[in-house]
Amino acid sequence: MLLKEVAHGLVHFFYPRLCEGCNRPLLGKEDVLCLSCGLELPKTDFHHMPGNDTEMRLAGRVPFIRASSFAYFTNDGLLQHLLHGLKYLNKKEIGVYLGKQFGNDLLKTDWVQSIEAIIPVPLHPKKEAARGYNQSVLIGDGMSEVLHIPLLAQTLIRTRQTESQTQKNRAERLENMKDAFLVKDMSTLKGKHVLLIDDVLTTGATLEACALALLQVQDLKLSIATIGIA
């Protein structure tokens, strides 16, 4: 045990874990962000607020029980920096960290208690192969660990590769995502309350397309959660 602790200490001496926010060495049980930077995350507290901005953005488009976002996503903000590292710099630990943080917030609510499965927004297999992972699955891993709710990462699939949404307006995004998702085995979700998760909510076109596919399942109840809201 002593040798293991010494080896662990030497690794961190020569290769210190650095905070993704301020680049200072992380201490003790700090993970991804130091305590100070963790407090700087622009959290929304939407999980306590029926009729919050996430729910209003999705209202009337698909029926859902509750919807929430963990933090505000702003240009050059801390959350944008974290999600950029997660999606493009292979920093997978950021996804798990954000999922755990959001999961800890959701534990304080009553509505999450009835959720029976977490469903991440899928990437097309070619895009996932190029990136090496799906960032929403990593977020789901963190949430699942904290909430003790199973993550079903292979149940909702993307049936075709869509164009980039970046330069499209809401109508174009909706058309781009039309019929892009499919539930593989509807019997596994029949009658369940599921939580659909994604990294960032912008227009909601991707989430809407995923929700419409999930709602083909008999008696399915849907809630939605994203790490960021733009």
C-alpha atoms as a PDB file:
ATOM      1  CA  MET A   1       0.000   0.000   0.000  1.00  0.00           C
ATOM      2  CA  LEU A   2       2.834   2.396   0.940  1.00  0.00           C
ATOM      3  CA  LEU A   3       4.696   1.697  -2.300  1.00  0.00           C
ATOM      4  CA  LYS A   4       1.496   2.303  -4.270  1.00  0.00           C
ATOM      5  CA  GLU A   5       0.981   5.669  -2.550  1.00  0.00           C
ATOM      6  CA  VAL A   6       4.609   6.653  -3.173  1.00  0.00           C
ATOM      7  CA  ALA A   7       4.329   5.710  -6.860  1.00  0.00           C
ATOM      8  CA  HIS A   8       1.049   7.628  -7.135  1.00  0.00           C
ATOM      9  CA  GLY A   9       2.685  10.681  -5.552  1.00  0.00           C
ATOM     10  CA  LEU A  10       5.681  10.531  -7.909  1.00  0.00           C
ATOM     11  CA  VAL A  11       3.417  10.351 -10.962  1.00  0.00           C
ATOM     12  CA  HIS A  12       1.571  13.481  -9.847  1.00  0.00           C
ATOM     13  CA  PHE A  13       4.862  15.216  -9.015  1.00  0.00           C
ATOM     14  CA  PHE A  14       6.245  14.743 -12.514  1.00  0.00           C
ATOM     15  CA  TYR A  15       2.887  14.807 -14.358  1.00  0.00           C
ATOM     16  CA  PRO A  16       0.546  16.949 -12.227  1.00  0.00           C
ATOM     17  CA  ARG A  17      -3.160  16.996 -12.994  1.00  0.00           C
ATOM     18  CA  LEU A  18      -4.036  20.541 -13.969  1.00  0.00           C
ATOM     19  CA  CYS A  19      -7.311  22.399 -13.563  1.00  0.00           C
ATOM     20  CA  GLU A  20      -9.077  22.890 -16.901  1.00  0.00           C
ATOM     21  CA  GLY A  21     -10.135  26.355 -15.780  1.00  0.00           C
ATOM     22  CA  CYS A  22      -7.020  28.025 -14.328  1.00  0.00           C
ATOM     23  CA  ASN A  23      -4.290  25.479 -15.222  1.00  0.00           C
ATOM     24  CA  ARG A  24      -3.136  25.144 -11.616  1.00  0.00           C
ATOM     25  CA  PRO A  25      -2.360  21.704 -10.146  1.00  0.00           C
ATOM     26  CA  LEU A  26      -5.399  19.905  -8.788  1.00  0.00           C
ATOM     27  CA  LEU A  27      -5.316  18.977  -5.117  1.00  0.00           C
ATOM     28  CA  GLY A  28      -6.595  15.901  -3.302  1.00  0.00           C
ATOM     29  CA  LYS A  29      -9.952  14.775  -4.646  1.00  0.00           C
ATOM     30  CA  GLU A  30     -10.345  17.699  -7.059  1.00  0.00           C
ATOM     31  CA  ASP A  31     -11.191  16.488 -10.545  1.00  0.00           C
ATOM     32  CA  VAL A  32     -11.071  18.419 -13.873  1.00  0.00           C
ATOM     33  CA  LEU A  33     -11.748  21.748 -12.114  1.00  0.00           C
ATOM     34  CA  CYS A  34     -10.275  23.047  -8.878  1.00  0.00           C
ATOM     35  CA  LEU A  35     -12.731  24.025  -6.149  1.00  0.00           C
ATOM     36  CA  SER A  36     -12.515  27.707  -7.100  1.00  0.00           C
ATOM     37  CA  CYS A  37     -13.159  27.151 -10.820  1.00  0.00           C
ATOM     38  CA  GLY A  38     -15.915  24.660 -10.037  1.00  0.00           C
ATOM     39  CA  LEU A  39     -17.749  27.447  -8.235  1.00  0.00           C
ATOM     40  CA  GLU A  40     -17.359  29.611 -11.348  1.00  0.00           C
ATOM     41  CA  LEU A  41     -19.475  27.311 -13.540  1.00  0.00           C
ATOM     42  CA  PRO A  42     -22.543  29.363 -14.555  1.00  0.00           C
ATOM     43  CA  LYS A  43     -25.095  26.867 -13.219  1.00  0.00           C
ATOM     44  CA  THR A  44     -28.760  27.436 -14.063  1.00  0.00           C
ATOM     45  CA  ASP A  45     -30.526  25.619 -11.188  1.00  0.00           C
ATOM     46  CA  PHE A  46     -33.270  24.823 -13.734  1.00  0.00           C
ATOM     47  CA  HIS A  47     -33.790  21.409 -12.124  1.00  0.00           C
ATOM     48  CA  HIS A  48     -35.718  23.196  -9.359  1.00  0.00           C
ATOM     49  CA  MET A  49     -37.751  25.400 -11.742  1.00  0.00           C
ATOM     50  CA  PRO A  50     -40.809  24.159 -13.648  1.00  0.00           C
ATOM     51  CA  GLY A  51     -41.260  26.320 -16.744  1.00  0.00           C
ATOM     52  CA  ASN A  52     -37.536  27.119 -16.971  1.00  0.00           C
ATOM     53  CA  ASP A  53     -35.873  28.324 -20.193  1.00  0.00           C
ATOM     54  CA  THR A  54     -35.055  24.791 -21.349  1.00  0.00           C
ATOM     55  CA  GLU A  55     -38.672  23.712 -20.932  1.00  0.00           C
ATOM     56  CA  MET A  56     -39.938  26.842 -22.677  1.00  0.00           C
ATOM     57  CA  ARG A  57     -37.619  26.262 -25.631  1.00  0.00           C
ATOM     58  CA  LEU A  58     -39.005  22.743 -26.099  1.00  0.00           C
ATOM     59  CA  ALA A  59     -42.622  23.427 -25.127  1.00  0.00           C
ATOM     60  CA  GLY A  60     -45.222  22.550 -27.750  1.00  0.00           C
ATOM     61  CA  ARG A  61     -42.732  20.613 -29.856  1.00  0.00           C
ATOM     62  CA  VAL A  62     -42.728  17.267 -28.040  1.00  0.00           C
ATOM     63  CA  PRO A  63     -44.552  16.126 -24.899  1.00  0.00           C
ATOM     64  CA  PHE A  64     -42.217  15.789 -21.914  1.00  0.00           C
ATOM     65  CA  ILE A  65     -42.391  15.511 -18.126  1.00  0.00           C
ATOM     66  CA  ARG A  66     -39.493  17.817 -17.218  1.00  0.00           C
ATOM     67  CA  ALA A  67     -36.537  19.412 -19.001  1.00  0.00           C
ATOM     68  CA  SER A  68     -33.417  21.015 -17.565  1.00  0.00           C
ATOM     69  CA  SER A  69     -29.928  22.266 -18.423  1.00  0.00           C
ATOM     70  CA  PHE A  70     -26.966  22.254 -16.049  1.00  0.00           C
ATOM     71  CA  ALA A  71     -25.169  25.500 -16.981  1.00  0.00           C
ATOM     72  CA  TYR A  72     -25.203  28.430 -19.390  1.00  0.00           C
ATOM     73  CA  PHE A  73     -23.130  28.027 -22.559  1.00  0.00           C
ATOM     74  CA  THR A  74     -21.625  31.355 -23.670  1.00  0.00           C
ATOM     75  CA  ASN A  75     -18.931  32.252 -26.206  1.00  0.00           C
ATOM     76  CA  ASP A  76     -15.502  32.029 -24.573  1.00  0.00           C
ATOM     77  CA  GLY A  77     -17.120  30.972 -21.299  1.00  0.00           C
ATOM     78  CA  LEU A  78     -15.887  28.219 -18.988  1.00  0.00           C
ATOM     79  CA  LEU A  79     -18.467  25.682 -20.148  1.00  0.00           C
ATOM     80  CA  GLN A  80     -17.614  26.294 -23.812  1.00  0.00           C
ATOM     81  CA  HIS A  81     -13.940  25.698 -22.964  1.00  0.00           C
ATOM     82  CA  LEU A  82     -14.777  22.440 -21.197  1.00  0.00           C
ATOM     83  CA  LEU A  83     -17.026  21.121 -23.950  1.00  0.00           C
ATOM     84  CA  HIS A  84     -14.470  22.023 -26.625  1.00  0.00           C
ATOM     85  CA  GLY A  85     -11.881  19.943 -24.777  1.00  0.00           C
ATOM     86  CA  LEU A  86     -14.370  17.094 -24.454  1.00  0.00           C
ATOM     87  CA  LYS A  87     -15.450  17.043 -28.099  1.00  0.00           C
ATOM     88  CA  TYR A  88     -12.252  17.921 -29.941  1.00  0.00           C
ATOM     89  CA  LEU A  89      -9.241  17.358 -27.651  1.00  0.00           C
ATOM     90  CA  ASN A  90      -9.952  13.793 -26.460  1.00  0.00           C
ATOM     91  CA  LYS A  91     -10.474  14.934 -22.855  1.00  0.00           C
ATOM     92  CA  LYS A  92     -13.011  12.241 -22.044  1.00  0.00           C
ATOM     93  CA  GLU A  93     -12.747  12.836 -18.302  1.00  0.00           C
ATOM     94  CA  ILE A  94     -14.526  16.179 -18.779  1.00  0.00           C
ATOM     95  CA  GLY A  95     -17.683  14.432 -19.980  1.00  0.00           C
ATOM     96  CA  VAL A  96     -17.803  12.096 -16.986  1.00  0.00           C
ATOM     97  CA  TYR A  97     -17.086  15.010 -14.627  1.00  0.00           C
ATOM     98  CA  LEU A  98     -19.894  17.169 -16.028  1.00  0.00           C
ATOM     99  CA  GLY A  99     -22.278  14.215 -15.928  1.00  0.00           C
ATOM    100  CA  LYS A 100     -21.492  13.631 -12.257  1.00  0.00           C
ATOM    101  CA  GLN A 101     -21.936  17.315 -11.391  1.00  0.00           C
ATOM    102  CA  PHE A 102     -25.320  17.439 -13.117  1.00  0.00           C
ATOM    103  CA  GLY A 103     -26.285  14.113 -11.555  1.00  0.00           C
ATOM    104  CA  ASN A 104     -25.575  15.469  -8.082  1.00  0.00           C
ATOM    105  CA  ASP A 105     -27.903  18.394  -8.779  1.00  0.00           C
ATOM    106  CA  LEU A 106     -30.647  16.131 -10.140  1.00  0.00           C
ATOM    107  CA  LEU A 107     -30.446  13.976  -7.001  1.00  0.00           C
ATOM    108  CA  LYS A 108     -31.982  16.916  -5.135  1.00  0.00           C
ATOM    109  CA  THR A 109     -35.193  16.749  -7.187  1.00  0.00           C
ATOM    110  CA  ASP A 110     -38.230  14.521  -6.848  1.00  0.00           C
ATOM    111  CA  TRP A 111     -38.977  14.155 -10.579  1.00  0.00           C
ATOM    112  CA  VAL A 112     -35.744  12.313 -11.348  1.00  0.00           C
ATOM    113  CA  GLN A 113     -36.747   9.492  -8.986  1.00  0.00           C
ATOM    114  CA  SER A 114     -39.170   8.007 -11.527  1.00  0.00           C
ATOM    115  CA  ILE A 115     -36.627   7.896 -14.386  1.00  0.00           C
ATOM    116  CA  GLU A 116     -35.733   4.333 -15.376  1.00  0.00           C
ATOM    117  CA  ALA A 117     -33.167   4.810 -18.156  1.00  0.00           C
ATOM    118  CA  ILE A 118     -30.771   7.435 -19.511  1.00  0.00           C
ATOM    119  CA  ILE A 119     -30.636   7.712 -23.317  1.00  0.00           C
ATOM    120  CA  PRO A 120     -27.776   9.729 -24.903  1.00  0.00           C
ATOM    121  CA  VAL A 121     -28.208  11.468 -28.259  1.00  0.00           C
ATOM    122  CA  PRO A 122     -26.321   9.157 -30.652  1.00  0.00           C
ATOM    123  CA  LEU A 123     -23.650  10.086 -33.166  1.00  0.00           C
ATOM    124  CA  HIS A 124     -23.561   8.526 -36.610  1.00  0.00           C
ATOM    125  CA  PRO A 125     -21.199   5.504 -36.489  1.00  0.00           C
ATOM    126  CA  LYS A 126     -18.757   7.143 -38.933  1.00  0.00           C
ATOM    127  CA  LYS A 127     -18.543  10.318 -36.838  1.00  0.00           C
ATOM    128  CA  GLU A 128     -18.185   8.361 -33.613  1.00  0.00           C
ATOM    129  CA  ALA A 129     -15.447   6.235 -35.178  1.00  0.00           C
ATOM    130  CA  ALA A 130     -13.580   9.361 -36.303  1.00  0.00           C
ATOM    131  CA  ARG A 131     -13.827  10.986 -32.845  1.00  0.00           C
ATOM    132  CA  GLY A 132     -13.322   7.736 -30.999  1.00  0.00           C
ATOM    133  CA  TYR A 133     -16.269   8.217 -28.632  1.00  0.00           C
ATOM    134  CA  ASN A 134     -19.652   9.893 -28.193  1.00  0.00           C
ATOM    135  CA  GLN A 135     -19.433  12.827 -25.764  1.00  0.00           C
ATOM    136  CA  SER A 136     -23.064  12.354 -24.695  1.00  0.00           C
ATOM    137  CA  VAL A 137     -22.332   8.759 -23.690  1.00  0.00           C
ATOM    138  CA  LEU A 138     -19.489   9.969 -21.443  1.00  0.00           C
ATOM    139  CA  ILE A 139     -21.810  12.532 -19.864  1.00  0.00           C
ATOM    140  CA  GLY A 140     -24.340   9.743 -19.407  1.00  0.00           C
ATOM    141  CA  ASP A 141     -21.709   7.545 -17.747  1.00  0.00           C
ATOM    142  CA  GLY A 142     -21.175  10.216 -15.088  1.00  0.00           C
ATOM    143  CA  MET A 143     -24.897  10.770 -14.572  1.00  0.00           C
ATOM    144  CA  SER A 144     -25.579   7.033 -14.385  1.00  0.00           C
ATOM    145  CA  GLU A 145     -22.894   6.537 -11.750  1.00  0.00           C
ATOM    146  CA  VAL A 146     -24.381   9.215  -9.484  1.00  0.00           C
ATOM    147  CA  LEU A 147     -28.070   8.566 -10.107  1.00  0.00           C
ATOM    148  CA  HIS A 148     -27.815   4.756 -10.211  1.00  0.00           C
ATOM    149  CA  ILE A 149     -29.966   4.731 -13.353  1.00  0.00           C
ATOM    150  CA  PRO A 150     -28.875   2.507 -16.268  1.00  0.00           C
ATOM    151  CA  LEU A 151     -27.399   4.156 -19.353  1.00  0.00           C
ATOM    152  CA  LEU A 152     -28.779   2.635 -22.565  1.00  0.00           C
ATOM    153  CA  ALA A 153     -26.254   3.816 -25.138  1.00  0.00           C
ATOM    154  CA  GLN A 154     -27.236   1.457 -27.978  1.00  0.00           C
ATOM    155  CA  THR A 155     -31.039   1.734 -27.861  1.00  0.00           C
ATOM    156  CA  LEU A 156     -31.460   4.968 -29.849  1.00  0.00           C
ATOM    157  CA  ILE A 157     -29.423   4.979 -33.069  1.00  0.00           C
ATOM    158  CA  ARG A 158     -28.710   7.502 -35.806  1.00  0.00           C
ATOM    159  CA  THR A 159     -29.791   6.063 -39.141  1.00  0.00           C
ATOM    160  CA  ARG A 160     -28.097   8.534 -41.453  1.00  0.00           C
ATOM    161  CA  GLN A 161     -25.257  11.027 -41.380  1.00  0.00           C
ATOM    162  CA  THR A 162     -26.589  14.579 -41.247  1.00  0.00           C
ATOM    163  CA  GLU A 163     -24.976  17.818 -42.351  1.00  0.00           C
ATOM    164  CA  SER A 164     -23.437  20.176 -39.803  1.00  0.00           C
ATOM    165  CA  GLN A 165     -26.080  22.212 -37.973  1.00  0.00           C
ATOM    166  CA  THR A 166     -23.788  25.165 -37.280  1.00  0.00           C
ATOM    167  CA  GLN A 167     -24.843  27.496 -40.105  1.00  0.00           C
ATOM    168  CA  LYS A 168     -28.494  26.403 -40.318  1.00  0.00           C
ATOM    169  CA  ASN A 169     -31.554  28.193 -38.969  1.00  0.00           C
ATOM    170  CA  ARG A 170     -34.173  26.378 -36.883  1.00  0.00           C
ATOM    171  CA  ALA A 171     -36.306  25.260 -39.849  1.00  0.00           C
ATOM    172  CA  GLU A 172     -33.240  24.001 -41.728  1.00  0.00           C
ATOM    173  CA  ARG A 173     -32.017  22.137 -38.644  1.00  0.00           C
ATOM    174  CA  LEU A 174     -35.369  20.419 -38.223  1.00  0.00           C
ATOM    175  CA  GLU A 175     -35.415  19.342 -41.872  1.00  0.00           C
ATOM    176  CA  ASN A 176     -31.803  18.169 -41.613  1.00  0.00           C
ATOM    177  CA  MET A 177     -32.672  15.958 -38.638  1.00  0.00           C
ATOM    178  CA  LYS A 178     -35.959  14.573 -39.970  1.00  0.00           C
ATOM    179  CA  ASP A 179     -36.135  10.770 -39.602  1.00  0.00           C
ATOM    180  CA  ALA A 180     -32.468  10.623 -38.601  1.00  0.00           C
ATOM    181  CA  PHE A 181     -33.042   8.491 -35.478  1.00  0.00           C
ATOM    182  CA  LEU A 182     -34.561   5.104 -34.712  1.00  0.00           C
ATOM    183  CA  VAL A 183     -35.239   3.019 -31.596  1.00  0.00           C
ATOM    184  CA  LYS A 184     -33.691  -0.445 -32.101  1.00  0.00           C
ATOM    185  CA  ASP A 185     -35.803  -2.454 -29.665  1.00  0.00           C
ATOM    186  CA  MET A 186     -38.970  -0.663 -28.583  1.00  0.00           C
ATOM    187  CA  SER A 187     -39.906  -3.401 -26.105  1.00  0.00           C
ATOM    188  CA  THR A 188     -36.984  -2.416 -23.829  1.00  0.00           C
ATOM    189  CA  LEU A 189     -38.464   1.069 -23.330  1.00  0.00           C
ATOM    190  CA  LYS A 190     -42.183   0.263 -23.308  1.00  0.00           C
ATOM    191  CA  GLY A 191     -43.928   2.113 -20.474  1.00  0.00           C
ATOM    192  CA  LYS A 192     -40.686   3.552 -19.102  1.00  0.00           C
ATOM    193  CA  HIS A 193     -39.797   7.113 -18.077  1.00  0.00           C
ATOM    194  CA  VAL A 194     -36.533   7.908 -19.875  1.00  0.00           C
ATOM    195  CA  LEU A 195     -34.122  10.827 -19.664  1.00  0.00           C
ATOM    196  CA  LEU A 196     -32.814  11.969 -23.073  1.00  0.00           C
ATOM    197  CA  ILE A 197     -29.462  13.744 -22.694  1.00  0.00           C
ATOM    198  CA  ASP A 198     -27.195  15.866 -24.913  1.00  0.00           C
ATOM    199  CA  ASP A 199     -24.277  18.252 -24.499  1.00  0.00           C
ATOM    200  CA  VAL A 200     -25.782  21.630 -25.534  1.00  0.00           C
ATOM    201  CA  LEU A 201     -29.284  22.888 -26.284  1.00  0.00           C
ATOM    202  CA  THR A 202     -29.362  25.506 -29.037  1.00  0.00           C
ATOM    203  CA  THR A 203     -32.470  25.369 -31.236  1.00  0.00           C
ATOM    204  CA  GLY A 204     -33.433  21.926 -29.926  1.00  0.00           C
ATOM    205  CA  ALA A 205     -33.763  20.395 -33.410  1.00  0.00           C
ATOM    206  CA  THR A 206     -31.626  17.355 -32.602  1.00  0.00           C
ATOM    207  CA  LEU A 207     -33.382  16.726 -29.305  1.00  0.00           C
ATOM    208  CA  GLU A 208     -36.772  17.112 -30.989  1.00  0.00           C
ATOM    209  CA  ALA A 209     -35.884  14.542 -33.660  1.00  0.00           C
ATOM    210  CA  CYS A 210     -34.624  12.105 -31.013  1.00  0.00           C
ATOM    211  CA  ALA A 211     -37.708  12.686 -28.882  1.00  0.00           C
ATOM    212  CA  LEU A 212     -40.053  12.002 -31.795  1.00  0.00           C
ATOM    213  CA  ALA A 213     -38.306   8.683 -32.402  1.00  0.00           C
ATOM    214  CA  LEU A 214     -38.488   7.717 -28.721  1.00  0.00           C
ATOM    215  CA  LEU A 215     -42.137   8.685 -28.461  1.00  0.00           C
ATOM    216  CA  GLN A 216     -42.989   6.004 -31.022  1.00  0.00           C
ATOM    217  CA  VAL A 217     -42.536   3.589 -28.100  1.00  0.00           C
ATOM    218  CA  GLN A 218     -45.819   2.634 -26.461  1.00  0.00           C
ATOM    219  CA  ASP A 219     -46.563   4.516 -23.192  1.00  0.00           C
ATOM    220  CA  LEU A 220     -43.073   6.018 -23.037  1.00  0.00           C
ATOM    221  CA  LYS A 221     -42.661   9.069 -20.792  1.00  0.00           C
ATOM    222  CA  LEU A 222     -39.886  11.508 -21.643  1.00  0.00           C
ATOM    223  CA  SER A 223     -37.715  13.986 -19.757  1.00  0.00           C
ATOM    224  CA  ILE A 224     -34.796  15.884 -21.280  1.00  0.00           C
ATOM    225  CA  ALA A 225     -31.503  17.157 -19.893  1.00  0.00           C
ATOM    226  CA  THR A 226     -28.525  18.954 -21.423  1.00  0.00           C
ATOM    227  CA  ILE A 227     -25.250  20.065 -19.897  1.00  0.00           C
ATOM    228  CA  GLY A 228     -25.410  23.499 -21.550  1.00  0.00           C
ATOM    229  CA  ILE A 229     -28.035  25.894 -22.848  1.00  0.00           C
ATOM    230  CA  ALA A 230     -26.864  28.452 -25.386  1.00  0.00           C
END
